[in-house]
Amino acid sequence: RDICSDNQSLKALEANRDMNNVEAVIDKCEK
């Protein structure tokens, strides 16, 4: 928050914090 002034960007970072989307993309790419 001290660095990034855009609340929407901060929400996006937090929304993906669990890495589920990352793992899903990696799995799909591997398949």
ModelCIF file with pLDDT and N, C-alpha, C, O atoms, coordinates in Angstrom:
data_MODEL
#
_entry.id   MODEL 
#
_entity.id                         1 
_entity.type                       polymer 
_entity.pdbx_number_of_molecules   1 
#
_entity_poly.entity_id                      1 
_entity_poly.type                           'polypeptide(L)' 
_entity_poly.nstd_linkage                   no 
_entity_poly.nstd_monomer                   no 
_entity_poly.pdbx_seq_one_letter_code       RDICSDNQSLKALEANRDMNNVEAVIDKCEK 
_entity_poly.pdbx_seq_one_letter_code_can   RDICSDNQSLKALEANRDMNNVEAVIDKCEK 
_entity_poly.pdbx_strand_id                 A 
#
loop_
_entity_poly_seq.entity_id 
_entity_poly_seq.num 
_entity_poly_seq.mon_id 
_entity_poly_seq.hetero 
1 1  ARG n 
1 2  ASP n 
1 3  ILE n 
1 4  CYS n 
1 5  SER n 
1 6  ASP n 
1 7  ASN n 
1 8  GLN n 
1 9  SER n 
1 10 LEU n 
1 11 LYS n 
1 12 ALA n 
1 13 LEU n 
1 14 GLU n 
1 15 ALA n 
1 16 ASN n 
1 17 ARG n 
1 18 ASP n 
1 19 MET n 
1 20 ASN n 
1 21 ASN n 
1 22 VAL n 
1 23 GLU n 
1 24 ALA n 
1 25 VAL n 
1 26 ILE n 
1 27 ASP n 
1 28 LYS n 
1 29 CYS n 
1 30 GLU n 
1 31 LYS n 
#
_struct_asym.id          A 
_struct_asym.entity_id   1 
#
loop_
_ma_qa_metric.id 
_ma_qa_metric.mode 
_ma_qa_metric.name 
_ma_qa_metric.software_group_id 
_ma_qa_metric.type 
1 global pLDDT . pLDDT 
2 local  pLDDT . pLDDT 
#
_ma_qa_metric_global.metric_id      1 
_ma_qa_metric_global.metric_value   87.90 
_ma_qa_metric_global.model_id       1 
_ma_qa_metric_global.ordinal_id     1 
#
loop_
_ma_qa_metric_local.label_asym_id 
_ma_qa_metric_local.label_comp_id 
_ma_qa_metric_local.label_seq_id 
_ma_qa_metric_local.metric_id 
_ma_qa_metric_local.metric_value 
_ma_qa_metric_local.model_id 
_ma_qa_metric_local.ordinal_id 
A ARG 1  2 90.00 1 1  
A ASP 2  2 91.00 1 2  
A ILE 3  2 91.00 1 3  
A CYS 4  2 86.00 1 4  
A SER 5  2 80.00 1 5  
A ASP 6  2 81.00 1 6  
A ASN 7  2 84.00 1 7  
A GLN 8  2 85.00 1 8  
A SER 9  2 84.00 1 9  
A LEU 10 2 86.00 1 10 
A LYS 11 2 86.00 1 11 
A ALA 12 2 84.00 1 12 
A LEU 13 2 86.00 1 13 
A GLU 14 2 85.00 1 14 
A ALA 15 2 82.00 1 15 
A ASN 16 2 80.00 1 16 
A ARG 17 2 84.00 1 17 
A ASP 18 2 84.00 1 18 
A MET 19 2 88.00 1 19 
A ASN 20 2 88.00 1 20 
A ASN 21 2 88.00 1 21 
A VAL 22 2 91.00 1 22 
A GLU 23 2 92.00 1 23 
A ALA 24 2 93.00 1 24 
A VAL 25 2 93.00 1 25 
A ILE 26 2 93.00 1 26 
A ASP 27 2 94.00 1 27 
A LYS 28 2 95.00 1 28 
A CYS 29 2 93.00 1 29 
A GLU 30 2 93.00 1 30 
A LYS 31 2 95.00 1 31 
#
loop_
_atom_site.group_PDB 
_atom_site.id 
_atom_site.type_symbol 
_atom_site.label_atom_id 
_atom_site.label_alt_id 
_atom_site.label_comp_id 
_atom_site.label_asym_id 
_atom_site.label_entity_id 
_atom_site.label_seq_id 
_atom_site.pdbx_PDB_ins_code 
_atom_site.Cartn_x 
_atom_site.Cartn_y 
_atom_site.Cartn_z 
_atom_site.occupancy 
_atom_site.B_iso_or_equiv 
_atom_site.pdbx_formal_charge 
_atom_site.auth_seq_id 
_atom_site.auth_comp_id 
_atom_site.auth_asym_id 
_atom_site.auth_atom_id 
_atom_site.pdbx_PDB_model_num 
ATOM 1   N N  . ARG A 1 1  ? 0.823  -1.216  0.000   1.00 90.00 ? 1  ARG A N  1 
ATOM 2   C CA . ARG A 1 1  ? 0.000  0.000   0.000   1.00 90.00 ? 1  ARG A CA 1 
ATOM 3   C C  . ARG A 1 1  ? 0.853  1.261   0.000   1.00 90.00 ? 1  ARG A C  1 
ATOM 4   O O  . ARG A 1 1  ? 0.480  2.265   -0.606  1.00 90.00 ? 1  ARG A O  1 
ATOM 5   N N  . ASP A 1 2  ? 1.996  1.213   0.676   1.00 91.00 ? 2  ASP A N  1 
ATOM 6   C CA . ASP A 1 2  ? 2.892  2.369   0.699   1.00 91.00 ? 2  ASP A CA 1 
ATOM 7   C C  . ASP A 1 2  ? 3.493  2.648   -0.677  1.00 91.00 ? 2  ASP A C  1 
ATOM 8   O O  . ASP A 1 2  ? 3.835  3.791   -0.982  1.00 91.00 ? 2  ASP A O  1 
ATOM 9   N N  . ILE A 1 3  ? 3.625  1.621   -1.504  1.00 91.00 ? 3  ILE A N  1 
ATOM 10  C CA . ILE A 1 3  ? 4.246  1.767   -2.821  1.00 91.00 ? 3  ILE A CA 1 
ATOM 11  C C  . ILE A 1 3  ? 3.201  1.970   -3.910  1.00 91.00 ? 3  ILE A C  1 
ATOM 12  O O  . ILE A 1 3  ? 3.347  2.840   -4.770  1.00 91.00 ? 3  ILE A O  1 
ATOM 13  N N  . CYS A 1 4  ? 2.169  1.180   -3.868  1.00 86.00 ? 4  CYS A N  1 
ATOM 14  C CA . CYS A 1 4  ? 1.166  1.134   -4.931  1.00 86.00 ? 4  CYS A CA 1 
ATOM 15  C C  . CYS A 1 4  ? -0.055 1.952   -4.512  1.00 86.00 ? 4  CYS A C  1 
ATOM 16  O O  . CYS A 1 4  ? -0.660 1.679   -3.475  1.00 86.00 ? 4  CYS A O  1 
ATOM 17  N N  . SER A 1 5  ? -0.412 2.935   -5.302  1.00 80.00 ? 5  SER A N  1 
ATOM 18  C CA . SER A 1 5  ? -1.529 3.814   -4.937  1.00 80.00 ? 5  SER A CA 1 
ATOM 19  C C  . SER A 1 5  ? -2.865 3.358   -5.506  1.00 80.00 ? 5  SER A C  1 
ATOM 20  O O  . SER A 1 5  ? -3.901 3.938   -5.180  1.00 80.00 ? 5  SER A O  1 
ATOM 21  N N  . ASP A 1 6  ? -2.861 2.341   -6.341  1.00 81.00 ? 6  ASP A N  1 
ATOM 22  C CA . ASP A 1 6  ? -4.083 1.894   -7.018  1.00 81.00 ? 6  ASP A CA 1 
ATOM 23  C C  . ASP A 1 6  ? -4.739 0.757   -6.236  1.00 81.00 ? 6  ASP A C  1 
ATOM 24  O O  . ASP A 1 6  ? -4.206 -0.351  -6.174  1.00 81.00 ? 6  ASP A O  1 
ATOM 25  N N  . ASN A 1 7  ? -5.896 1.037   -5.641  1.00 84.00 ? 7  ASN A N  1 
ATOM 26  C CA . ASN A 1 7  ? -6.588 0.027   -4.829  1.00 84.00 ? 7  ASN A CA 1 
ATOM 27  C C  . ASN A 1 7  ? -6.997 -1.190  -5.651  1.00 84.00 ? 7  ASN A C  1 
ATOM 28  O O  . ASN A 1 7  ? -6.980 -2.308  -5.135  1.00 84.00 ? 7  ASN A O  1 
ATOM 29  N N  . GLN A 1 8  ? -7.359 -1.004  -6.904  1.00 85.00 ? 8  GLN A N  1 
ATOM 30  C CA . GLN A 1 8  ? -7.753 -2.131  -7.747  1.00 85.00 ? 8  GLN A CA 1 
ATOM 31  C C  . GLN A 1 8  ? -6.557 -3.071  -7.955  1.00 85.00 ? 8  GLN A C  1 
ATOM 32  O O  . GLN A 1 8  ? -6.725 -4.290  -7.949  1.00 85.00 ? 8  GLN A O  1 
ATOM 33  N N  . SER A 1 9  ? -5.377 -2.522  -8.134  1.00 84.00 ? 9  SER A N  1 
ATOM 34  C CA . SER A 1 9  ? -4.171 -3.347  -8.287  1.00 84.00 ? 9  SER A CA 1 
ATOM 35  C C  . SER A 1 9  ? -3.876 -4.113  -7.007  1.00 84.00 ? 9  SER A C  1 
ATOM 36  O O  . SER A 1 9  ? -3.512 -5.288  -7.057  1.00 84.00 ? 9  SER A O  1 
ATOM 37  N N  . LEU A 1 10 ? -4.027 -3.469  -5.879  1.00 86.00 ? 10 LEU A N  1 
ATOM 38  C CA . LEU A 1 10 ? -3.788 -4.135  -4.600  1.00 86.00 ? 10 LEU A CA 1 
ATOM 39  C C  . LEU A 1 10 ? -4.783 -5.273  -4.379  1.00 86.00 ? 10 LEU A C  1 
ATOM 40  O O  . LEU A 1 10 ? -4.418 -6.332  -3.870  1.00 86.00 ? 10 LEU A O  1 
ATOM 41  N N  . LYS A 1 11 ? -6.033 -5.051  -4.762  1.00 86.00 ? 11 LYS A N  1 
ATOM 42  C CA . LYS A 1 11 ? -7.045 -6.112  -4.636  1.00 86.00 ? 11 LYS A CA 1 
ATOM 43  C C  . LYS A 1 11 ? -6.709 -7.292  -5.540  1.00 86.00 ? 11 LYS A C  1 
ATOM 44  O O  . LYS A 1 11 ? -6.899 -8.445  -5.153  1.00 86.00 ? 11 LYS A O  1 
ATOM 45  N N  . ALA A 1 12 ? -6.211 -7.011  -6.741  1.00 84.00 ? 12 ALA A N  1 
ATOM 46  C CA . ALA A 1 12 ? -5.841 -8.086  -7.668  1.00 84.00 ? 12 ALA A CA 1 
ATOM 47  C C  . ALA A 1 12 ? -4.693 -8.912  -7.106  1.00 84.00 ? 12 ALA A C  1 
ATOM 48  O O  . ALA A 1 12 ? -4.697 -10.137 -7.225  1.00 84.00 ? 12 ALA A O  1 
ATOM 49  N N  . LEU A 1 13 ? -3.715 -8.259  -6.498  1.00 86.00 ? 13 LEU A N  1 
ATOM 50  C CA . LEU A 1 13 ? -2.592 -8.979  -5.896  1.00 86.00 ? 13 LEU A CA 1 
ATOM 51  C C  . LEU A 1 13 ? -3.087 -9.899  -4.786  1.00 86.00 ? 13 LEU A C  1 
ATOM 52  O O  . LEU A 1 13 ? -2.669 -11.054 -4.702  1.00 86.00 ? 13 LEU A O  1 
ATOM 53  N N  . GLU A 1 14 ? -3.960 -9.401  -3.951  1.00 85.00 ? 14 GLU A N  1 
ATOM 54  C CA . GLU A 1 14 ? -4.477 -10.195 -2.840  1.00 85.00 ? 14 GLU A CA 1 
ATOM 55  C C  . GLU A 1 14 ? -5.391 -11.324 -3.324  1.00 85.00 ? 14 GLU A C  1 
ATOM 56  O O  . GLU A 1 14 ? -5.386 -12.416 -2.755  1.00 85.00 ? 14 GLU A O  1 
ATOM 57  N N  . ALA A 1 15 ? -6.166 -11.065 -4.361  1.00 82.00 ? 15 ALA A N  1 
ATOM 58  C CA . ALA A 1 15 ? -7.095 -12.073 -4.875  1.00 82.00 ? 15 ALA A CA 1 
ATOM 59  C C  . ALA A 1 15 ? -6.362 -13.305 -5.394  1.00 82.00 ? 15 ALA A C  1 
ATOM 60  O O  . ALA A 1 15 ? -6.889 -14.417 -5.338  1.00 82.00 ? 15 ALA A O  1 
ATOM 61  N N  . ASN A 1 16 ? -5.166 -13.109 -5.892  1.00 80.00 ? 16 ASN A N  1 
ATOM 62  C CA . ASN A 1 16 ? -4.391 -14.219 -6.452  1.00 80.00 ? 16 ASN A CA 1 
ATOM 63  C C  . ASN A 1 16 ? -3.367 -14.780 -5.470  1.00 80.00 ? 16 ASN A C  1 
ATOM 64  O O  . ASN A 1 16 ? -2.548 -15.618 -5.846  1.00 80.00 ? 16 ASN A O  1 
ATOM 65  N N  . ARG A 1 17 ? -3.402 -14.338 -4.249  1.00 84.00 ? 17 ARG A N  1 
ATOM 66  C CA . ARG A 1 17 ? -2.376 -14.703 -3.269  1.00 84.00 ? 17 ARG A CA 1 
ATOM 67  C C  . ARG A 1 17 ? -2.263 -16.214 -3.061  1.00 84.00 ? 17 ARG A C  1 
ATOM 68  O O  . ARG A 1 17 ? -1.173 -16.709 -2.777  1.00 84.00 ? 17 ARG A O  1 
ATOM 69  N N  . ASP A 1 18 ? -3.349 -16.946 -3.196  1.00 84.00 ? 18 ASP A N  1 
ATOM 70  C CA . ASP A 1 18 ? -3.301 -18.381 -2.920  1.00 84.00 ? 18 ASP A CA 1 
ATOM 71  C C  . ASP A 1 18 ? -2.673 -19.200 -4.049  1.00 84.00 ? 18 ASP A C  1 
ATOM 72  O O  . ASP A 1 18 ? -2.460 -20.400 -3.879  1.00 84.00 ? 18 ASP A O  1 
ATOM 73  N N  . MET A 1 19 ? -2.377 -18.593 -5.179  1.00 88.00 ? 19 MET A N  1 
ATOM 74  C CA . MET A 1 19 ? -1.693 -19.225 -6.315  1.00 88.00 ? 19 MET A CA 1 
ATOM 75  C C  . MET A 1 19 ? -2.553 -20.262 -7.035  1.00 88.00 ? 19 MET A C  1 
ATOM 76  O O  . MET A 1 19 ? -2.036 -20.990 -7.882  1.00 88.00 ? 19 MET A O  1 
ATOM 77  N N  . ASN A 1 20 ? -3.834 -20.352 -6.730  1.00 88.00 ? 20 ASN A N  1 
ATOM 78  C CA . ASN A 1 20 ? -4.688 -21.315 -7.429  1.00 88.00 ? 20 ASN A CA 1 
ATOM 79  C C  . ASN A 1 20 ? -4.740 -21.044 -8.922  1.00 88.00 ? 20 ASN A C  1 
ATOM 80  O O  . ASN A 1 20 ? -4.665 -21.974 -9.725  1.00 88.00 ? 20 ASN A O  1 
ATOM 81  N N  . ASN A 1 21 ? -4.868 -19.769 -9.305  1.00 88.00 ? 21 ASN A N  1 
ATOM 82  C CA . ASN A 1 21 ? -4.900 -19.427 -10.732 1.00 88.00 ? 21 ASN A CA 1 
ATOM 83  C C  . ASN A 1 21 ? -3.578 -19.778 -11.409 1.00 88.00 ? 21 ASN A C  1 
ATOM 84  O O  . ASN A 1 21 ? -3.558 -20.271 -12.537 1.00 88.00 ? 21 ASN A O  1 
ATOM 85  N N  . VAL A 1 22 ? -2.498 -19.522 -10.722 1.00 91.00 ? 22 VAL A N  1 
ATOM 86  C CA . VAL A 1 22 ? -1.168 -19.834 -11.270 1.00 91.00 ? 22 VAL A CA 1 
ATOM 87  C C  . VAL A 1 22 ? -1.049 -21.330 -11.521 1.00 91.00 ? 22 VAL A C  1 
ATOM 88  O O  . VAL A 1 22 ? -0.636 -21.748 -12.603 1.00 91.00 ? 22 VAL A O  1 
ATOM 89  N N  . GLU A 1 23 ? -1.401 -22.124 -10.546 1.00 92.00 ? 23 GLU A N  1 
ATOM 90  C CA . GLU A 1 23 ? -1.297 -23.570 -10.695 1.00 92.00 ? 23 GLU A CA 1 
ATOM 91  C C  . GLU A 1 23 ? -2.225 -24.079 -11.805 1.00 92.00 ? 23 GLU A C  1 
ATOM 92  O O  . GLU A 1 23 ? -1.876 -25.011 -12.530 1.00 92.00 ? 23 GLU A O  1 
ATOM 93  N N  . ALA A 1 24 ? -3.398 -23.470 -11.934 1.00 93.00 ? 24 ALA A N  1 
ATOM 94  C CA . ALA A 1 24 ? -4.335 -23.878 -12.986 1.00 93.00 ? 24 ALA A CA 1 
ATOM 95  C C  . ALA A 1 24 ? -3.760 -23.579 -14.367 1.00 93.00 ? 24 ALA A C  1 
ATOM 96  O O  . ALA A 1 24 ? -3.882 -24.396 -15.279 1.00 93.00 ? 24 ALA A O  1 
ATOM 97  N N  . VAL A 1 25 ? -3.142 -22.431 -14.524 1.00 93.00 ? 25 VAL A N  1 
ATOM 98  C CA . VAL A 1 25 ? -2.518 -22.076 -15.815 1.00 93.00 ? 25 VAL A CA 1 
ATOM 99  C C  . VAL A 1 25 ? -1.373 -23.028 -16.119 1.00 93.00 ? 25 VAL A C  1 
ATOM 100 O O  . VAL A 1 25 ? -1.251 -23.512 -17.244 1.00 93.00 ? 25 VAL A O  1 
ATOM 101 N N  . ILE A 1 26 ? -0.542 -23.297 -15.137 1.00 93.00 ? 26 ILE A N  1 
ATOM 102 C CA . ILE A 1 26 ? 0.586  -24.214 -15.334 1.00 93.00 ? 26 ILE A CA 1 
ATOM 103 C C  . ILE A 1 26 ? 0.081  -25.604 -15.717 1.00 93.00 ? 26 ILE A C  1 
ATOM 104 O O  . ILE A 1 26 ? 0.608  -26.219 -16.644 1.00 93.00 ? 26 ILE A O  1 
ATOM 105 N N  . ASP A 1 27 ? -0.926 -26.097 -15.017 1.00 94.00 ? 27 ASP A N  1 
ATOM 106 C CA . ASP A 1 27 ? -1.486 -27.416 -15.327 1.00 94.00 ? 27 ASP A CA 1 
ATOM 107 C C  . ASP A 1 27 ? -2.047 -27.459 -16.749 1.00 94.00 ? 27 ASP A C  1 
ATOM 108 O O  . ASP A 1 27 ? -1.806 -28.412 -17.489 1.00 94.00 ? 27 ASP A O  1 
ATOM 109 N N  . LYS A 1 28 ? -2.788 -26.431 -17.121 1.00 95.00 ? 28 LYS A N  1 
ATOM 110 C CA . LYS A 1 28 ? -3.372 -26.392 -18.469 1.00 95.00 ? 28 LYS A CA 1 
ATOM 111 C C  . LYS A 1 28 ? -2.275 -26.349 -19.523 1.00 95.00 ? 28 LYS A C  1 
ATOM 112 O O  . LYS A 1 28 ? -2.357 -27.048 -20.533 1.00 95.00 ? 28 LYS A O  1 
ATOM 113 N N  . CYS A 1 29 ? -1.262 -25.543 -19.300 1.00 93.00 ? 29 CYS A N  1 
ATOM 114 C CA . CYS A 1 29 ? -0.161 -25.456 -20.263 1.00 93.00 ? 29 CYS A CA 1 
ATOM 115 C C  . CYS A 1 29 ? 0.565  -26.789 -20.395 1.00 93.00 ? 29 CYS A C  1 
ATOM 116 O O  . CYS A 1 29 ? 0.921  -27.198 -21.500 1.00 93.00 ? 29 CYS A O  1 
ATOM 117 N N  . GLU A 1 30 ? 0.782  -27.459 -19.287 1.00 93.00 ? 30 GLU A N  1 
ATOM 118 C CA . GLU A 1 30 ? 1.439  -28.770 -19.335 1.00 93.00 ? 30 GLU A CA 1 
ATOM 119 C C  . GLU A 1 30 ? 0.596  -29.779 -20.108 1.00 93.00 ? 30 GLU A C  1 
ATOM 120 O O  . GLU A 1 30 ? 1.129  -30.548 -20.909 1.00 93.00 ? 30 GLU A O  1 
ATOM 121 N N  . LYS A 1 31 ? -0.715 -29.783 -19.876 1.00 95.00 ? 31 LYS A N  1 
ATOM 122 C CA . LYS A 1 31 ? -1.604 -30.704 -20.585 1.00 95.00 ? 31 LYS A CA 1 
ATOM 123 C C  . LYS A 1 31 ? -1.643 -30.423 -22.087 1.00 95.00 ? 31 LYS A C  1 
ATOM 124 O O  . LYS A 1 31 ? -2.346 -31.112 -22.825 1.00 95.00 ? 31 LYS A O  1 
#
